[in-house]
Protein backbone atom coordinates (compact mmCIF):
# COMPACT_ATOMS: atom_id res chain seq x y z
CA MET A 1 128.93 128.85 151.02
CA ASP A 2 127.66 125.89 149.02
CA LEU A 3 124.27 125.00 150.52
CA VAL A 4 123.09 122.83 147.62
CA ARG A 5 125.60 120.27 146.34
CA THR A 6 125.33 118.76 142.87
CA ALA A 7 126.40 115.34 141.58
CA THR A 8 125.48 113.68 138.27
CA ALA A 9 125.74 110.03 137.21
CA ALA A 10 123.96 107.94 134.56
CA GLY A 11 121.66 110.79 133.57
CA VAL A 12 120.52 111.59 137.12
CA THR A 13 121.51 114.76 138.97
CA THR A 14 121.25 114.73 142.75
CA LEU A 15 120.74 118.11 144.40
CA THR A 16 121.64 117.75 148.07
CA LEU A 17 120.45 120.26 150.64
CA ASP A 18 123.61 120.79 152.69
CA SER A 19 122.78 123.08 155.60
CA PRO A 20 122.52 120.61 158.50
CA ALA A 21 123.42 123.22 161.13
CA ASN A 22 119.94 124.75 160.76
CA ARG A 23 118.23 121.50 159.74
CA ASN A 24 118.29 122.42 156.04
CA ALA A 25 115.95 125.33 156.67
CA LEU A 26 114.71 127.18 153.61
CA SER A 27 116.83 130.29 153.97
CA THR A 28 117.08 132.78 151.16
CA PRO A 29 120.64 131.65 150.27
CA LEU A 30 119.63 127.99 150.16
CA MET A 31 116.53 128.64 148.05
CA THR A 32 118.53 130.89 145.72
CA GLN A 33 121.09 128.14 145.18
CA LEU A 34 118.38 125.52 144.71
CA LEU A 35 116.73 127.63 142.00
CA ASP A 36 120.11 128.17 140.33
CA ARG A 37 120.89 124.43 140.36
CA LEU A 38 117.50 123.59 138.95
CA GLY A 39 118.10 126.09 136.17
CA GLU A 40 121.42 124.45 135.36
CA THR A 41 119.94 120.96 135.21
CA LEU A 42 117.03 122.19 133.11
CA VAL A 43 119.30 123.20 130.23
CA ASP A 44 121.67 120.22 130.49
CA PRO A 45 120.53 117.60 127.94
CA ASP A 46 122.49 114.89 129.74
CA VAL A 47 120.37 115.32 132.88
CA ARG A 48 117.27 113.16 132.57
CA ALA A 49 115.99 113.16 136.15
CA VAL A 50 116.64 115.04 139.38
CA VAL A 51 116.82 113.77 142.95
CA ILE A 52 116.35 116.16 145.88
CA SER A 53 118.29 114.76 148.85
CA HIS A 54 119.84 116.08 152.07
CA THR A 55 122.71 115.84 154.50
CA GLY A 56 122.19 115.51 158.24
CA PRO A 57 119.31 113.82 160.03
CA VAL A 58 116.62 116.28 158.88
CA PHE A 59 115.33 116.55 155.32
CA CYS A 60 114.05 120.11 155.73
CA SER A 61 112.66 121.96 158.73
CA GLY A 62 110.80 124.54 156.66
CA ALA A 63 111.33 128.29 156.77
CA ASP A 64 114.41 129.78 158.38
CA LEU A 65 112.72 131.18 161.50
CA LYS A 66 115.53 133.62 162.27
CA GLU A 67 115.22 135.07 158.80
CA THR A 68 111.43 135.10 159.09
CA ALA A 69 111.59 136.98 162.40
CA ALA A 70 113.91 139.58 160.93
CA ALA A 71 111.64 139.99 157.92
CA ARG A 72 108.59 140.38 160.16
CA GLU A 73 110.30 143.18 162.07
CA ALA A 74 110.88 144.90 158.76
CA GLY A 75 107.23 144.44 157.82
CA ARG A 76 107.80 141.62 155.33
CA VAL A 77 107.21 137.85 155.19
CA PRO A 78 109.68 136.00 152.92
CA ALA A 79 107.16 133.66 151.29
CA GLU A 80 107.68 134.80 147.72
CA MET A 81 110.87 132.83 147.13
CA LEU A 82 109.37 129.64 148.56
CA ALA A 83 106.55 130.09 146.05
CA ASP A 84 109.16 130.38 143.29
CA VAL A 85 110.90 127.20 144.45
CA LEU A 86 107.69 125.19 144.63
CA ALA A 87 106.58 126.43 141.21
CA ALA A 88 109.99 125.60 139.70
CA LEU A 89 109.80 122.04 141.02
CA TRP A 90 106.15 121.53 140.08
CA GLU A 91 106.67 122.83 136.54
CA PHE A 92 110.08 121.22 136.00
CA PRO A 93 109.83 119.23 132.74
CA LYS A 94 112.17 116.48 133.93
CA PRO A 95 111.08 113.98 136.59
CA VAL A 96 111.93 114.98 140.17
CA VAL A 97 112.34 112.44 142.99
CA ALA A 98 112.53 113.41 146.66
CA ARG A 99 114.77 111.24 148.84
CA VAL A 100 113.66 111.72 152.44
CA ALA A 101 115.76 110.09 155.16
CA GLY A 102 114.56 112.23 158.05
CA PRO A 103 111.93 114.63 159.37
CA ALA A 104 110.25 117.29 157.24
CA ARG A 105 108.13 120.18 158.40
CA ALA A 106 106.28 123.12 156.83
CA GLY A 107 108.05 124.20 153.62
CA GLY A 108 109.92 120.90 153.55
CA LEU A 109 106.58 119.19 153.01
CA GLY A 110 105.96 121.56 150.12
CA LEU A 111 109.21 120.41 148.49
CA ILE A 112 108.28 116.75 148.91
CA ALA A 113 104.81 117.29 147.47
CA ALA A 114 106.21 119.26 144.52
CA ALA A 115 108.36 116.30 143.47
CA ASP A 116 106.84 113.81 141.05
CA LEU A 117 107.92 110.87 143.18
CA ALA A 118 108.95 110.81 146.83
CA VAL A 119 110.53 108.00 148.83
CA CYS A 120 110.98 108.22 152.59
CA THR A 121 112.06 105.96 155.40
CA ARG A 122 109.30 104.49 157.52
CA GLU A 123 110.79 106.27 160.53
CA ALA A 124 110.79 109.73 158.92
CA THR A 125 108.34 112.10 160.57
CA PHE A 126 106.13 114.81 159.16
CA ALA A 127 103.83 117.47 160.58
CA PHE A 128 101.92 120.53 159.45
CA THR A 129 102.71 122.52 162.56
CA GLU A 130 101.64 125.93 161.26
CA VAL A 131 98.41 126.19 163.29
CA ARG A 132 100.39 125.62 166.48
CA LEU A 133 102.45 128.68 165.59
CA GLY A 134 99.35 130.76 164.92
CA VAL A 135 99.82 130.72 161.13
CA ILE A 136 98.46 128.65 158.23
CA PRO A 137 100.14 126.35 155.66
CA ALA A 138 99.12 128.61 152.81
CA VAL A 139 101.94 128.57 150.23
CA ILE A 140 102.70 124.86 150.48
CA SER A 141 99.02 124.03 149.93
CA ALA A 142 99.53 124.61 146.20
CA THR A 143 101.60 121.42 146.01
CA VAL A 144 100.45 119.52 149.11
CA LEU A 145 96.66 119.52 148.72
CA PRO A 146 96.69 117.87 145.26
CA ARG A 147 98.56 114.96 146.88
CA LEU A 148 96.53 114.42 150.06
CA THR A 149 93.12 112.87 150.43
CA PRO A 150 90.63 115.50 151.67
CA ARG A 151 89.99 113.80 155.01
CA ALA A 152 93.70 113.37 155.70
CA ALA A 153 94.37 116.99 154.74
CA ALA A 154 91.75 118.23 157.18
CA GLU A 155 93.05 116.04 160.00
CA LEU A 156 96.74 116.76 159.53
CA TYR A 157 96.36 120.49 158.80
CA LEU A 158 94.03 121.17 161.72
CA THR A 159 95.67 119.04 164.40
CA GLY A 160 99.33 119.63 163.56
CA GLU A 161 100.02 116.09 164.81
CA VAL A 162 103.21 114.25 163.87
CA PHE A 163 102.86 111.25 161.52
CA ASP A 164 105.38 108.75 160.19
CA GLY A 165 106.48 107.60 156.76
CA VAL A 166 103.97 104.77 156.60
CA ARG A 167 101.08 107.18 157.11
CA ALA A 168 102.64 109.63 154.64
CA ALA A 169 102.48 106.91 151.98
CA GLU A 170 98.92 105.97 152.92
CA VAL A 171 97.62 109.53 152.48
CA GLY A 172 99.59 110.27 149.30
CA LEU A 173 102.23 112.67 150.55
CA VAL A 174 104.97 110.26 149.45
CA THR A 175 105.10 107.50 146.85
CA ALA A 176 106.65 104.86 149.10
CA ALA A 177 107.97 104.37 152.62
CA VAL A 178 110.82 101.90 152.94
CA SER A 179 113.42 100.78 155.45
CA ALA A 180 116.39 103.06 156.06
CA GLU A 181 118.63 100.41 154.50
CA GLY A 182 116.43 100.22 151.41
CA LEU A 183 116.05 103.96 150.78
CA ASP A 184 118.90 104.46 148.32
CA GLY A 185 118.02 101.28 146.44
CA ALA A 186 114.41 102.38 146.08
CA VAL A 187 115.42 105.82 144.80
CA ALA A 188 117.89 104.25 142.36
CA GLY A 189 115.18 101.89 141.14
CA TYR A 190 112.82 104.74 140.34
CA CYS A 191 115.59 106.73 138.64
CA GLY A 192 116.62 103.73 136.57
CA ALA A 193 113.05 103.42 135.33
CA LEU A 194 112.66 107.15 134.67
CA VAL A 195 115.70 107.50 132.42
CA ARG A 196 114.29 104.81 130.14
CA GLY A 197 111.49 107.19 129.16
CA GLY A 198 111.89 109.56 126.23
CA PRO A 199 112.77 113.10 127.41
CA LEU A 200 109.96 114.77 125.48
CA ALA A 201 107.52 112.01 126.40
CA LEU A 202 108.33 112.42 130.09
CA ALA A 203 107.78 116.18 129.87
CA GLY A 204 104.53 115.63 127.98
CA THR A 205 103.35 113.07 130.50
CA LYS A 206 104.01 115.49 133.36
CA GLN A 207 101.82 118.03 131.54
CA LEU A 208 99.17 115.34 131.09
CA LEU A 209 99.13 114.59 134.80
CA ARG A 210 98.46 118.26 135.58
CA ARG A 211 96.04 119.14 132.79
CA THR A 212 92.45 120.20 133.33
CA ALA A 213 89.93 118.09 131.47
CA LYS A 214 87.56 119.67 128.97
CA GLU A 215 83.88 119.94 129.88
CA SER A 216 82.86 117.65 127.02
CA ILE A 217 84.23 114.09 126.93
CA ARG A 218 84.33 114.17 123.12
CA GLU A 219 86.23 117.47 123.13
CA ASP A 220 88.59 116.01 125.72
CA LEU A 221 89.17 112.85 123.71
CA ALA A 222 89.75 114.83 120.52
CA GLU A 223 92.49 116.87 122.20
CA LEU A 224 94.08 113.80 123.74
CA SER A 225 93.97 111.92 120.43
CA ALA A 226 95.77 114.80 118.73
CA ARG A 227 98.42 114.80 121.46
CA SER A 228 98.89 111.04 121.11
CA ALA A 229 99.27 111.23 117.34
CA GLY A 230 101.85 114.00 117.65
CA TYR A 231 104.05 111.90 119.92
CA PHE A 232 103.74 108.75 117.79
CA LYS A 233 104.79 110.74 114.70
CA SER A 234 107.67 112.55 116.42
CA PRO A 235 111.31 111.48 115.93
CA GLU A 236 111.39 110.40 119.56
CA GLY A 237 108.27 108.29 119.11
CA VAL A 238 109.62 106.68 115.95
CA GLU A 239 112.91 105.86 117.69
CA GLY A 240 111.12 104.44 120.72
CA VAL A 241 108.91 102.11 118.71
CA THR A 242 111.84 101.07 116.52
CA ALA A 243 114.02 100.32 119.54
CA PHE A 244 111.24 98.24 121.07
CA ARG A 245 110.82 96.21 117.89
CA GLU A 246 114.58 95.72 117.60
CA LYS A 247 114.81 94.73 121.30
CA ARG A 248 117.46 97.33 122.13
CA PRO A 249 117.63 100.34 124.45
CA ALA A 250 116.37 103.55 122.89
CA SER A 251 119.02 106.08 121.92
CA TRP A 252 118.11 108.38 124.81
CA VAL A 253 118.89 105.86 127.57
CA PRO A 254 122.04 107.23 129.28
CA ALA A 255 125.32 105.36 129.33
CA GLY A 256 125.83 103.71 132.69
CA SER A 257 122.11 103.16 133.22
CA PRO A 258 121.00 99.57 134.11
CA ALA A 259 119.01 99.50 130.85
CA ARG A 260 122.29 99.73 128.95
């Protein structure tokens, strides 16, 4: 059964979670397919950005509780694959955008936080409900806590209260909260901007956003200067500067993109 559908246009691949019967829960089959699809897009040079979307009214309800209960009876907790999924998204060298048109809970929040950009509707709801189930939001914290302000993290983690898309944008969980009618346009706008960036430059910028600074400012600046020089001297950098001077799209901008 196809639980993650794939569609590609103008350099952007949309991976759609398609398991609405269980609210797109993170079952082992769904996560396996998501990892497989990410692997396919990783090696496809025509794919410049990835959108994580969903069918049905719910973006993702988190872990498949039936599967979790069965695993618990067997003395296991199926958290390892969720860790693999979050790591794959976080480390993915191409930009990832989450398109959230409905509620997200637990592991679904981990997916959203792992994306580079996330756009939700103002009406979408979110909650870290783990404490109300007697557990903790441990695995998803790897991607969620770097996004949230410390005070918001403490409030939302400890209370388990539901919050809407507007609050999600205020605390950093998502990039923007828009009207339901404007969701697809906002996602398309971000994707149109992303595919104008050089593929290697985008990957390098993602690394830059996640790097740990050196203890010495001079040592840090020396490393960053070397990185900068390498990109300016690279074939991609030369093409980008040349295209800018010639007032034309760079060679990497996909056919069908607004920039073309």
